[in-house]
């Protein structure tokens, strides 16, 4: 199971919106998370 840390999501003071159910690609070597489809349809 992929695990991410240090992202500004969750219960911190400043958060980014993180869509659920959207296909994404996690590249651990480069350190990127790329959404493969729009978050809103």
PDB file of N, CA and C in Angstrom:
ATOM      1  N   UNK A   1       0.839  -1.158   0.000  1.00  0.00           N
ATOM      2  CA  UNK A   1       0.000   0.000   0.000  1.00  0.00           C
ATOM      3  C   UNK A   1       0.898   1.239   0.000  1.00  0.00           C
ATOM      4  N   UNK A   2       0.706   2.146  -0.952  1.00  0.00           N
ATOM      5  CA  UNK A   2       1.485   3.390  -0.975  1.00  0.00           C
ATOM      6  C   UNK A   2       1.150   4.274   0.229  1.00  0.00           C
ATOM      7  N   UNK A   3       2.159   4.911   0.745  1.00  0.00           N
ATOM      8  CA  UNK A   3       1.981   5.814   1.883  1.00  0.00           C
ATOM      9  C   UNK A   3       2.650   7.150   1.540  1.00  0.00           C
ATOM     10  N   UNK A   4       1.951   8.240   1.821  1.00  0.00           N
ATOM     11  CA  UNK A   4       2.485   9.581   1.591  1.00  0.00           C
ATOM     12  C   UNK A   4       2.657  10.267   2.927  1.00  0.00           C
ATOM     13  N   UNK A   5       3.696  11.076   3.042  1.00  0.00           N
ATOM     14  CA  UNK A   5       3.857  11.861   4.265  1.00  0.00           C
ATOM     15  C   UNK A   5       4.289  13.268   3.897  1.00  0.00           C
ATOM     16  N   UNK A   6       4.006  14.198   4.783  1.00  0.00           N
ATOM     17  CA  UNK A   6       4.402  15.581   4.568  1.00  0.00           C
ATOM     18  C   UNK A   6       3.485  16.363   3.647  1.00  0.00           C
ATOM     19  N   UNK A   7       2.363  15.782   3.255  1.00  0.00           N
ATOM     20  CA  UNK A   7       1.419  16.503   2.407  1.00  0.00           C
ATOM     21  C   UNK A   7       0.553  17.423   3.255  1.00  0.00           C
ATOM     22  N   UNK A   8       0.203  18.590   2.748  1.00  0.00           N
ATOM     23  CA  UNK A   8      -0.661  19.498   3.509  1.00  0.00           C
ATOM     24  C   UNK A   8      -2.134  19.127   3.386  1.00  0.00           C
ATOM     25  N   UNK A   9      -2.485  17.917   3.825  1.00  0.00           N
ATOM     26  CA  UNK A   9      -3.880  17.454   3.848  1.00  0.00           C
ATOM     27  C   UNK A   9      -4.156  16.871   5.230  1.00  0.00           C
ATOM     28  N   UNK A  10      -5.414  16.807   5.585  1.00  0.00           N
ATOM     29  CA  UNK A  10      -5.782  16.218   6.874  1.00  0.00           C
ATOM     30  C   UNK A  10      -6.240  17.267   7.867  1.00  0.00           C
ATOM     31  N   UNK A  11      -5.708  17.208   9.077  1.00  0.00           N
ATOM     32  CA  UNK A  11      -6.174  18.059  10.167  1.00  0.00           C
ATOM     33  C   UNK A  11      -5.151  19.123  10.544  1.00  0.00           C
ATOM     34  N   UNK A  12      -4.422  19.633   9.580  1.00  0.00           N
ATOM     35  CA  UNK A  12      -3.454  20.699   9.843  1.00  0.00           C
ATOM     36  C   UNK A  12      -4.111  22.063   9.628  1.00  0.00           C
ATOM     37  N   UNK A  13      -3.376  23.125   9.924  1.00  0.00           N
ATOM     38  CA  UNK A  13      -3.935  24.473   9.810  1.00  0.00           C
ATOM     39  C   UNK A  13      -4.226  24.852   8.359  1.00  0.00           C
ATOM     40  N   UNK A  14      -3.294  24.569   7.449  1.00  0.00           N
ATOM     41  CA  UNK A  14      -3.475  24.892   6.032  1.00  0.00           C
ATOM     42  C   UNK A  14      -3.536  23.598   5.241  1.00  0.00           C
ATOM     43  N   UNK A  15      -4.675  23.344   4.600  1.00  0.00           N
ATOM     44  CA  UNK A  15      -4.889  22.082   3.899  1.00  0.00           C
ATOM     45  C   UNK A  15      -5.216  22.305   2.436  1.00  0.00           C
ATOM     46  N   UNK A  16      -4.817  21.362   1.610  1.00  0.00           N
ATOM     47  CA  UNK A  16      -5.239  21.313   0.224  1.00  0.00           C
ATOM     48  C   UNK A  16      -6.419  20.356   0.120  1.00  0.00           C
ATOM     49  N   UNK A  17      -7.327  20.637  -0.789  1.00  0.00           N
ATOM     50  CA  UNK A  17      -8.435  19.708  -1.043  1.00  0.00           C
ATOM     51  C   UNK A  17      -7.871  18.480  -1.753  1.00  0.00           C
ATOM     52  N   UNK A  18      -8.216  17.316  -1.296  1.00  0.00           N
ATOM     53  CA  UNK A  18      -7.713  16.067  -1.871  1.00  0.00           C
ATOM     54  C   UNK A  18      -8.918  15.236  -2.298  1.00  0.00           C
ATOM     55  N   UNK A  19      -9.156  15.093  -3.614  1.00  0.00           N
ATOM     56  CA  UNK A  19     -10.348  14.375  -4.086  1.00  0.00           C
ATOM     57  C   UNK A  19     -10.264  12.875  -3.799  1.00  0.00           C
ATOM     58  N   UNK A  20     -11.391  12.301  -3.426  1.00  0.00           N
ATOM     59  CA  UNK A  20     -11.474  10.860  -3.190  1.00  0.00           C
ATOM     60  C   UNK A  20     -12.072  10.185  -4.411  1.00  0.00           C
ATOM     61  N   UNK A  21     -11.585   9.013  -4.735  1.00  0.00           N
ATOM     62  CA  UNK A  21     -12.125   8.231  -5.839  1.00  0.00           C
ATOM     63  C   UNK A  21     -11.599   8.615  -7.209  1.00  0.00           C
ATOM     64  N   UNK A  22     -10.591   9.486  -7.272  1.00  0.00           N
ATOM     65  CA  UNK A  22     -10.012   9.905  -8.550  1.00  0.00           C
ATOM     66  C   UNK A  22      -8.750   9.092  -8.808  1.00  0.00           C
ATOM     67  N   UNK A  23      -8.613   8.562 -10.012  1.00  0.00           N
ATOM     68  CA  UNK A  23      -7.412   7.798 -10.353  1.00  0.00           C
ATOM     69  C   UNK A  23      -6.215   8.735 -10.383  1.00  0.00           C
ATOM     70  N   UNK A  24      -5.124   8.259  -9.805  1.00  0.00           N
ATOM     71  CA  UNK A  24      -3.907   9.062  -9.729  1.00  0.00           C
ATOM     72  C   UNK A  24      -2.685   8.162  -9.858  1.00  0.00           C
ATOM     73  N   UNK A  25      -1.543   8.766 -10.159  1.00  0.00           N
ATOM     74  CA  UNK A  25      -0.280   8.041 -10.260  1.00  0.00           C
ATOM     75  C   UNK A  25       0.682   8.641  -9.244  1.00  0.00           C
ATOM     76  N   UNK A  26       1.200   7.789  -8.379  1.00  0.00           N
ATOM     77  CA  UNK A  26       2.185   8.182  -7.390  1.00  0.00           C
ATOM     78  C   UNK A  26       3.557   7.747  -7.877  1.00  0.00           C
ATOM     79  N   UNK A  27       4.452   8.697  -8.078  1.00  0.00           N
ATOM     80  CA  UNK A  27       5.824   8.400  -8.491  1.00  0.00           C
ATOM     81  C   UNK A  27       6.740   8.693  -7.308  1.00  0.00           C
ATOM     82  N   UNK A  28       7.126   7.646  -6.598  1.00  0.00           N
ATOM     83  CA  UNK A  28       7.935   7.809  -5.391  1.00  0.00           C
ATOM     84  C   UNK A  28       9.363   8.242  -5.717  1.00  0.00           C
ATOM     85  N   UNK A  29       9.864   7.912  -6.891  1.00  0.00           N
ATOM     86  CA  UNK A  29      11.216   8.295  -7.275  1.00  0.00           C
ATOM     87  C   UNK A  29      11.301   9.803  -7.491  1.00  0.00           C
ATOM     88  N   UNK A  30      10.350  10.345  -8.235  1.00  0.00           N
ATOM     89  CA  UNK A  30      10.334  11.775  -8.549  1.00  0.00           C
ATOM     90  C   UNK A  30       9.702  12.583  -7.419  1.00  0.00           C
ATOM     91  N   UNK A  31       8.791  11.948  -6.674  1.00  0.00           N
ATOM     92  CA  UNK A  31       8.099  12.640  -5.585  1.00  0.00           C
ATOM     93  C   UNK A  31       6.883  13.409  -6.045  1.00  0.00           C
ATOM     94  N   UNK A  32       6.117  12.827  -6.990  1.00  0.00           N
ATOM     95  CA  UNK A  32       4.930  13.502  -7.498  1.00  0.00           C
ATOM     96  C   UNK A  32       3.694  12.628  -7.341  1.00  0.00           C
ATOM     97  N   UNK A  33       2.552  13.282  -7.253  1.00  0.00           N
ATOM     98  CA  UNK A  33       1.246  12.634  -7.301  1.00  0.00           C
ATOM     99  C   UNK A  33       0.473  13.345  -8.381  1.00  0.00           C
ATOM    100  N   UNK A  34       0.118  12.611  -9.452  1.00  0.00           N
ATOM    101  CA  UNK A  34      -0.545  13.205 -10.609  1.00  0.00           C
ATOM    102  C   UNK A  34      -1.953  12.647 -10.734  1.00  0.00           C
ATOM    103  N   UNK A  35      -2.952  13.523 -10.729  1.00  0.00           N
ATOM    104  CA  UNK A  35      -4.338  13.100 -10.954  1.00  0.00           C
ATOM    105  C   UNK A  35      -4.512  12.764 -12.412  1.00  0.00           C
ATOM    106  N   UNK A  36      -5.146  11.640 -12.725  1.00  0.00           N
ATOM    107  CA  UNK A  36      -5.314  11.182 -14.091  1.00  0.00           C
ATOM    108  C   UNK A  36      -6.674  11.534 -14.683  1.00  0.00           C
ATOM    109  N   UNK A  37      -7.511  12.205 -13.907  1.00  0.00           N
ATOM    110  CA  UNK A  37      -8.842  12.619 -14.372  1.00  0.00           C
ATOM    111  C   UNK A  37      -9.254  13.836 -13.552  1.00  0.00           C
ATOM    112  N   UNK A  38     -10.240  14.578 -14.028  1.00  0.00           N
ATOM    113  CA  UNK A  38     -10.682  15.761 -13.274  1.00  0.00           C
ATOM    114  C   UNK A  38     -11.261  15.373 -11.911  1.00  0.00           C
ATOM    115  N   UNK A  39     -11.061  16.223 -10.936  1.00  0.00           N
ATOM    116  CA  UNK A  39     -11.619  15.967  -9.607  1.00  0.00           C
ATOM    117  C   UNK A  39     -13.119  16.184  -9.595  1.00  0.00           C
ATOM    118  N   UNK A  40     -13.612  17.060 -10.463  1.00  0.00           N
ATOM    119  CA  UNK A  40     -15.049  17.333 -10.571  1.00  0.00           C
ATOM    120  C   UNK A  40     -15.514  16.996 -11.975  1.00  0.00           C
ATOM    121  N   UNK A  41     -16.649  16.351 -12.055  1.00  0.00           N
ATOM    122  CA  UNK A  41     -17.207  15.991 -13.370  1.00  0.00           C
ATOM    123  C   UNK A  41     -18.362  16.868 -13.706  1.00  0.00           C
TER     124      UNK A  41
END
